[in-house]
Amino acid sequence: MVQRTVTIYTDDLTGTEGEDIATHAFSVDGVNYEIDLGPDNYQKLLDVLGPFMGAGRKVNGGGARRIVKRAQSGGTDAAKVREWAQSQGIEVNSRGRIPADLMEKYQAAH
């Protein structure tokens, strides 16, 4: 039997699916956010934040424009992680990025 895993990347704003969706991180008032966006919506984010980033100061060499590589998951199937988390009584969103601590727990259990 052949098994094939398909990963579908989805823009968190529009629900649009595509290979060019990437995770972007930003921070406001000490709260870190990550959002999966296609190129057009990422440009909209940069257009809105641009004047503030230009007037602001970078802290710790990081910044609001950091791109999180999808390879962090190590190729782990997100659907399987979500299924496992739910079976363990762990709340997890049905779409979007899986938190790193949850990925670590999943990988430790497998």
N, C-alpha and C. Protein backbone atom coordinates (compact mmCIF):
# COMPACT_ATOMS: atom_id res chain seq x y z
N MET A 1 0.84 -1.17 0.00
CA MET A 1 0.00 0.00 0.00
C MET A 1 0.89 1.24 0.00
N VAL A 2 0.53 2.21 -0.79
CA VAL A 2 1.27 3.47 -0.87
C VAL A 2 0.50 4.51 -0.10
N GLN A 3 1.24 5.28 0.68
CA GLN A 3 0.62 6.36 1.44
C GLN A 3 1.24 7.66 0.98
N ARG A 4 0.43 8.67 0.80
CA ARG A 4 0.92 9.96 0.36
C ARG A 4 0.40 11.02 1.31
N THR A 5 1.30 11.87 1.78
CA THR A 5 0.92 12.96 2.67
C THR A 5 0.94 14.25 1.87
N VAL A 6 -0.13 15.01 1.97
CA VAL A 6 -0.24 16.27 1.27
C VAL A 6 -0.32 17.38 2.30
N THR A 7 0.56 18.36 2.18
CA THR A 7 0.54 19.52 3.06
C THR A 7 -0.06 20.68 2.30
N ILE A 8 -1.08 21.29 2.89
CA ILE A 8 -1.75 22.41 2.24
C ILE A 8 -1.47 23.66 3.07
N TYR A 9 -0.85 24.66 2.44
CA TYR A 9 -0.55 25.91 3.10
C TYR A 9 -1.70 26.88 2.84
N THR A 10 -2.18 27.52 3.91
CA THR A 10 -3.36 28.37 3.82
C THR A 10 -3.07 29.75 4.40
N ASP A 11 -3.45 30.80 3.66
CA ASP A 11 -3.33 32.17 4.12
C ASP A 11 -4.34 32.38 5.24
N ASP A 12 -3.87 32.82 6.41
CA ASP A 12 -4.75 32.98 7.56
C ASP A 12 -5.80 34.08 7.37
N LEU A 13 -5.54 35.06 6.53
CA LEU A 13 -6.50 36.15 6.32
C LEU A 13 -7.59 35.77 5.33
N THR A 14 -7.20 35.16 4.23
CA THR A 14 -8.16 34.93 3.14
C THR A 14 -8.60 33.48 3.01
N GLY A 15 -7.84 32.56 3.61
CA GLY A 15 -8.14 31.14 3.45
C GLY A 15 -7.64 30.59 2.12
N THR A 16 -6.94 31.42 1.35
CA THR A 16 -6.39 31.00 0.06
C THR A 16 -5.29 29.98 0.29
N GLU A 17 -5.28 28.95 -0.53
CA GLU A 17 -4.25 27.91 -0.43
C GLU A 17 -3.21 28.15 -1.50
N GLY A 18 -1.94 27.79 -1.19
CA GLY A 18 -0.89 27.95 -2.19
C GLY A 18 0.46 27.54 -1.66
N GLU A 19 1.36 27.24 -2.58
CA GLU A 19 2.73 26.85 -2.24
C GLU A 19 3.54 28.04 -1.73
N ASP A 20 3.10 29.27 -2.03
CA ASP A 20 3.87 30.46 -1.68
C ASP A 20 3.47 31.06 -0.33
N ILE A 21 2.67 30.35 0.45
CA ILE A 21 2.28 30.82 1.77
C ILE A 21 3.47 30.61 2.72
N ALA A 22 3.78 31.62 3.52
CA ALA A 22 4.89 31.52 4.47
C ALA A 22 4.46 32.08 5.81
N THR A 23 5.12 31.64 6.87
CA THR A 23 4.83 32.11 8.22
C THR A 23 5.67 33.34 8.51
N HIS A 24 5.03 34.38 9.03
CA HIS A 24 5.72 35.63 9.37
C HIS A 24 5.43 35.95 10.83
N ALA A 25 6.42 36.51 11.51
CA ALA A 25 6.29 36.82 12.93
C ALA A 25 6.40 38.33 13.13
N PHE A 26 5.65 38.81 14.12
CA PHE A 26 5.78 40.21 14.52
C PHE A 26 5.41 40.30 16.00
N SER A 27 5.74 41.43 16.61
CA SER A 27 5.52 41.59 18.04
C SER A 27 4.91 42.96 18.31
N VAL A 28 3.94 43.00 19.21
CA VAL A 28 3.32 44.26 19.63
C VAL A 28 3.17 44.23 21.14
N ASP A 29 3.72 45.22 21.80
CA ASP A 29 3.64 45.33 23.26
C ASP A 29 4.10 44.06 23.97
N GLY A 30 5.16 43.46 23.48
CA GLY A 30 5.73 42.28 24.12
C GLY A 30 5.01 40.98 23.81
N VAL A 31 3.99 41.03 22.99
CA VAL A 31 3.26 39.82 22.60
C VAL A 31 3.71 39.45 21.20
N ASN A 32 4.20 38.22 21.05
CA ASN A 32 4.67 37.75 19.75
C ASN A 32 3.53 37.08 18.99
N TYR A 33 3.46 37.37 17.71
CA TYR A 33 2.44 36.81 16.85
C TYR A 33 3.10 36.14 15.65
N GLU A 34 2.44 35.13 15.12
CA GLU A 34 2.84 34.52 13.86
C GLU A 34 1.59 34.39 13.01
N ILE A 35 1.77 34.61 11.72
CA ILE A 35 0.65 34.53 10.79
C ILE A 35 1.14 33.95 9.47
N ASP A 36 0.34 33.11 8.87
CA ASP A 36 0.66 32.52 7.58
C ASP A 36 0.02 33.38 6.49
N LEU A 37 0.85 33.91 5.58
CA LEU A 37 0.35 34.82 4.56
C LEU A 37 0.95 34.52 3.20
N GLY A 38 0.15 34.78 2.17
CA GLY A 38 0.65 34.75 0.81
C GLY A 38 1.39 36.05 0.54
N PRO A 39 2.09 36.13 -0.59
CA PRO A 39 2.89 37.30 -0.89
C PRO A 39 2.11 38.62 -0.89
N ASP A 40 0.90 38.63 -1.42
CA ASP A 40 0.12 39.87 -1.48
C ASP A 40 -0.26 40.36 -0.09
N ASN A 41 -0.73 39.46 0.77
CA ASN A 41 -1.10 39.87 2.13
C ASN A 41 0.13 40.21 2.97
N TYR A 42 1.26 39.55 2.71
CA TYR A 42 2.49 39.90 3.42
C TYR A 42 2.91 41.32 3.03
N GLN A 43 2.76 41.66 1.76
CA GLN A 43 3.10 43.02 1.32
C GLN A 43 2.18 44.03 2.00
N LYS A 44 0.90 43.70 2.14
CA LYS A 44 -0.04 44.59 2.83
C LYS A 44 0.40 44.80 4.28
N LEU A 45 0.85 43.71 4.94
CA LEU A 45 1.34 43.82 6.32
C LEU A 45 2.54 44.75 6.37
N LEU A 46 3.49 44.57 5.44
CA LEU A 46 4.68 45.43 5.41
C LEU A 46 4.30 46.88 5.12
N ASP A 47 3.33 47.10 4.23
CA ASP A 47 2.90 48.46 3.91
C ASP A 47 2.34 49.17 5.14
N VAL A 48 1.57 48.44 5.94
CA VAL A 48 0.96 49.02 7.13
C VAL A 48 2.01 49.25 8.23
N LEU A 49 2.88 48.25 8.44
CA LEU A 49 3.88 48.35 9.51
C LEU A 49 5.11 49.17 9.11
N GLY A 50 5.33 49.34 7.81
CA GLY A 50 6.54 50.00 7.31
C GLY A 50 6.87 51.32 7.97
N PRO A 51 5.94 52.27 8.04
CA PRO A 51 6.27 53.56 8.67
C PRO A 51 6.67 53.40 10.14
N PHE A 52 6.05 52.45 10.83
CA PHE A 52 6.37 52.25 12.24
C PHE A 52 7.72 51.56 12.41
N MET A 53 8.02 50.62 11.52
CA MET A 53 9.31 49.94 11.57
C MET A 53 10.42 50.93 11.23
N GLY A 54 10.15 51.83 10.28
CA GLY A 54 11.15 52.82 9.90
C GLY A 54 11.47 53.80 11.02
N ALA A 55 10.47 54.12 11.82
CA ALA A 55 10.67 55.07 12.92
C ALA A 55 11.11 54.38 14.21
N GLY A 56 10.92 53.06 14.27
CA GLY A 56 11.25 52.33 15.50
C GLY A 56 12.70 51.90 15.56
N ARG A 57 13.05 51.24 16.65
CA ARG A 57 14.39 50.71 16.88
C ARG A 57 14.34 49.20 16.86
N LYS A 58 15.33 48.56 16.24
CA LYS A 58 15.42 47.11 16.28
C LYS A 58 15.93 46.70 17.65
N VAL A 59 15.41 45.59 18.15
CA VAL A 59 15.81 45.08 19.45
C VAL A 59 16.35 43.67 19.28
N ASN A 60 17.50 43.37 19.89
CA ASN A 60 18.10 42.03 19.90
C ASN A 60 18.34 41.46 18.50
N GLY A 61 18.53 42.30 17.51
CA GLY A 61 18.84 41.81 16.18
C GLY A 61 17.69 41.09 15.50
N GLY A 62 16.60 40.84 16.22
CA GLY A 62 15.44 40.19 15.62
C GLY A 62 14.60 41.25 14.95
N GLY A 63 13.36 40.99 14.79
CA GLY A 63 12.52 42.03 14.23
C GLY A 63 11.20 41.50 13.75
N ALA A 64 10.37 42.40 13.35
CA ALA A 64 9.02 42.06 12.94
C ALA A 64 8.98 41.35 11.60
N ARG A 65 10.09 41.35 10.86
CA ARG A 65 10.06 40.78 9.52
C ARG A 65 10.70 39.40 9.45
N ARG A 66 10.93 38.76 10.58
CA ARG A 66 11.54 37.44 10.61
C ARG A 66 10.62 36.44 9.90
N ILE A 67 11.20 35.62 9.05
CA ILE A 67 10.44 34.57 8.37
C ILE A 67 10.78 33.24 9.02
N VAL A 68 9.77 32.52 9.43
CA VAL A 68 9.95 31.22 10.05
C VAL A 68 9.93 30.17 8.96
N LYS A 69 10.95 29.40 8.86
CA LYS A 69 11.03 28.37 7.81
C LYS A 69 10.11 27.22 8.14
N ARG A 70 9.42 26.70 7.17
CA ARG A 70 8.52 25.57 7.36
C ARG A 70 9.27 24.31 7.73
N ALA A 71 10.56 24.27 7.48
CA ALA A 71 11.34 23.06 7.77
C ALA A 71 11.42 22.79 9.27
N GLN A 72 11.00 23.73 10.10
CA GLN A 72 11.05 23.51 11.54
C GLN A 72 10.30 22.26 11.95
N SER A 73 9.26 21.94 11.27
CA SER A 73 8.46 20.77 11.65
C SER A 73 9.17 19.47 11.31
N GLY A 74 10.27 19.57 10.56
CA GLY A 74 11.01 18.37 10.20
C GLY A 74 10.21 17.44 9.32
N GLY A 75 9.24 17.97 8.58
CA GLY A 75 8.46 17.15 7.69
C GLY A 75 7.32 16.41 8.38
N THR A 76 7.08 16.69 9.65
CA THR A 76 6.01 16.04 10.39
C THR A 76 4.66 16.49 9.85
N ASP A 77 3.75 15.55 9.68
CA ASP A 77 2.42 15.83 9.14
C ASP A 77 1.59 16.55 10.19
N ALA A 78 1.18 17.78 9.89
CA ALA A 78 0.43 18.60 10.83
C ALA A 78 -0.88 17.93 11.24
N ALA A 79 -1.54 17.26 10.31
CA ALA A 79 -2.81 16.60 10.62
C ALA A 79 -2.60 15.52 11.68
N LYS A 80 -1.51 14.78 11.57
CA LYS A 80 -1.22 13.74 12.55
C LYS A 80 -0.93 14.34 13.92
N VAL A 81 -0.21 15.48 13.92
CA VAL A 81 0.09 16.15 15.19
C VAL A 81 -1.20 16.62 15.84
N ARG A 82 -2.09 17.22 15.05
CA ARG A 82 -3.37 17.71 15.60
C ARG A 82 -4.21 16.54 16.13
N GLU A 83 -4.24 15.46 15.38
CA GLU A 83 -5.00 14.27 15.81
C GLU A 83 -4.44 13.72 17.12
N TRP A 84 -3.11 13.62 17.20
CA TRP A 84 -2.47 13.12 18.42
C TRP A 84 -2.77 14.06 19.59
N ALA A 85 -2.65 15.38 19.37
CA ALA A 85 -2.87 16.35 20.44
C ALA A 85 -4.30 16.24 20.98
N GLN A 86 -5.26 16.13 20.08
CA GLN A 86 -6.65 16.01 20.51
C GLN A 86 -6.88 14.73 21.30
N SER A 87 -6.21 13.64 20.90
CA SER A 87 -6.35 12.38 21.63
C SER A 87 -5.74 12.46 23.03
N GLN A 88 -4.81 13.43 23.21
CA GLN A 88 -4.17 13.63 24.50
C GLN A 88 -4.88 14.70 25.34
N GLY A 89 -5.97 15.24 24.79
CA GLY A 89 -6.72 16.28 25.50
C GLY A 89 -6.08 17.65 25.40
N ILE A 90 -5.18 17.83 24.42
CA ILE A 90 -4.50 19.11 24.23
C ILE A 90 -5.26 19.90 23.17
N GLU A 91 -5.59 21.16 23.49
CA GLU A 91 -6.29 22.00 22.53
C GLU A 91 -5.34 22.46 21.45
N VAL A 92 -5.78 22.36 20.20
CA VAL A 92 -4.96 22.79 19.07
C VAL A 92 -5.87 23.34 17.98
N ASN A 93 -5.44 24.44 17.33
CA ASN A 93 -6.24 25.02 16.25
C ASN A 93 -6.33 24.05 15.08
N SER A 94 -7.43 24.12 14.35
CA SER A 94 -7.63 23.21 13.22
C SER A 94 -6.84 23.63 11.98
N ARG A 95 -6.25 24.82 11.99
CA ARG A 95 -5.42 25.27 10.89
C ARG A 95 -4.36 26.23 11.41
N GLY A 96 -3.43 26.55 10.56
CA GLY A 96 -2.36 27.47 10.95
C GLY A 96 -1.17 26.73 11.52
N ARG A 97 -0.25 27.49 12.06
CA ARG A 97 1.00 26.95 12.58
C ARG A 97 0.77 26.18 13.88
N ILE A 98 1.47 25.07 14.02
CA ILE A 98 1.42 24.29 15.26
C ILE A 98 2.53 24.82 16.17
N PRO A 99 2.21 25.18 17.42
CA PRO A 99 3.23 25.72 18.33
C PRO A 99 4.41 24.77 18.50
N ALA A 100 5.60 25.36 18.64
CA ALA A 100 6.83 24.58 18.75
C ALA A 100 6.80 23.61 19.93
N ASP A 101 6.24 24.04 21.07
CA ASP A 101 6.21 23.16 22.24
C ASP A 101 5.32 21.94 21.99
N LEU A 102 4.25 22.10 21.21
CA LEU A 102 3.40 20.97 20.88
C LEU A 102 4.13 20.02 19.93
N MET A 103 4.88 20.58 18.96
CA MET A 103 5.67 19.74 18.06
C MET A 103 6.69 18.93 18.85
N GLU A 104 7.32 19.57 19.84
CA GLU A 104 8.31 18.88 20.67
C GLU A 104 7.66 17.73 21.44
N LYS A 105 6.48 17.98 22.01
CA LYS A 105 5.77 16.93 22.75
C LYS A 105 5.42 15.76 21.82
N TYR A 106 4.94 16.09 20.62
CA TYR A 106 4.59 15.06 19.65
C TYR A 106 5.81 14.23 19.28
N GLN A 107 6.90 14.91 18.96
CA GLN A 107 8.11 14.21 18.55
C GLN A 107 8.69 13.37 19.68
N ALA A 108 8.57 13.84 20.92
CA ALA A 108 9.05 13.07 22.06
C ALA A 108 8.21 11.80 22.27
N ALA A 109 6.91 11.90 21.96
CA ALA A 109 6.01 10.76 22.14
C ALA A 109 6.15 9.74 21.00
N HIS A 110 6.75 10.15 19.91
CA HIS A 110 6.89 9.25 18.76
C HIS A 110 8.34 8.99 18.54
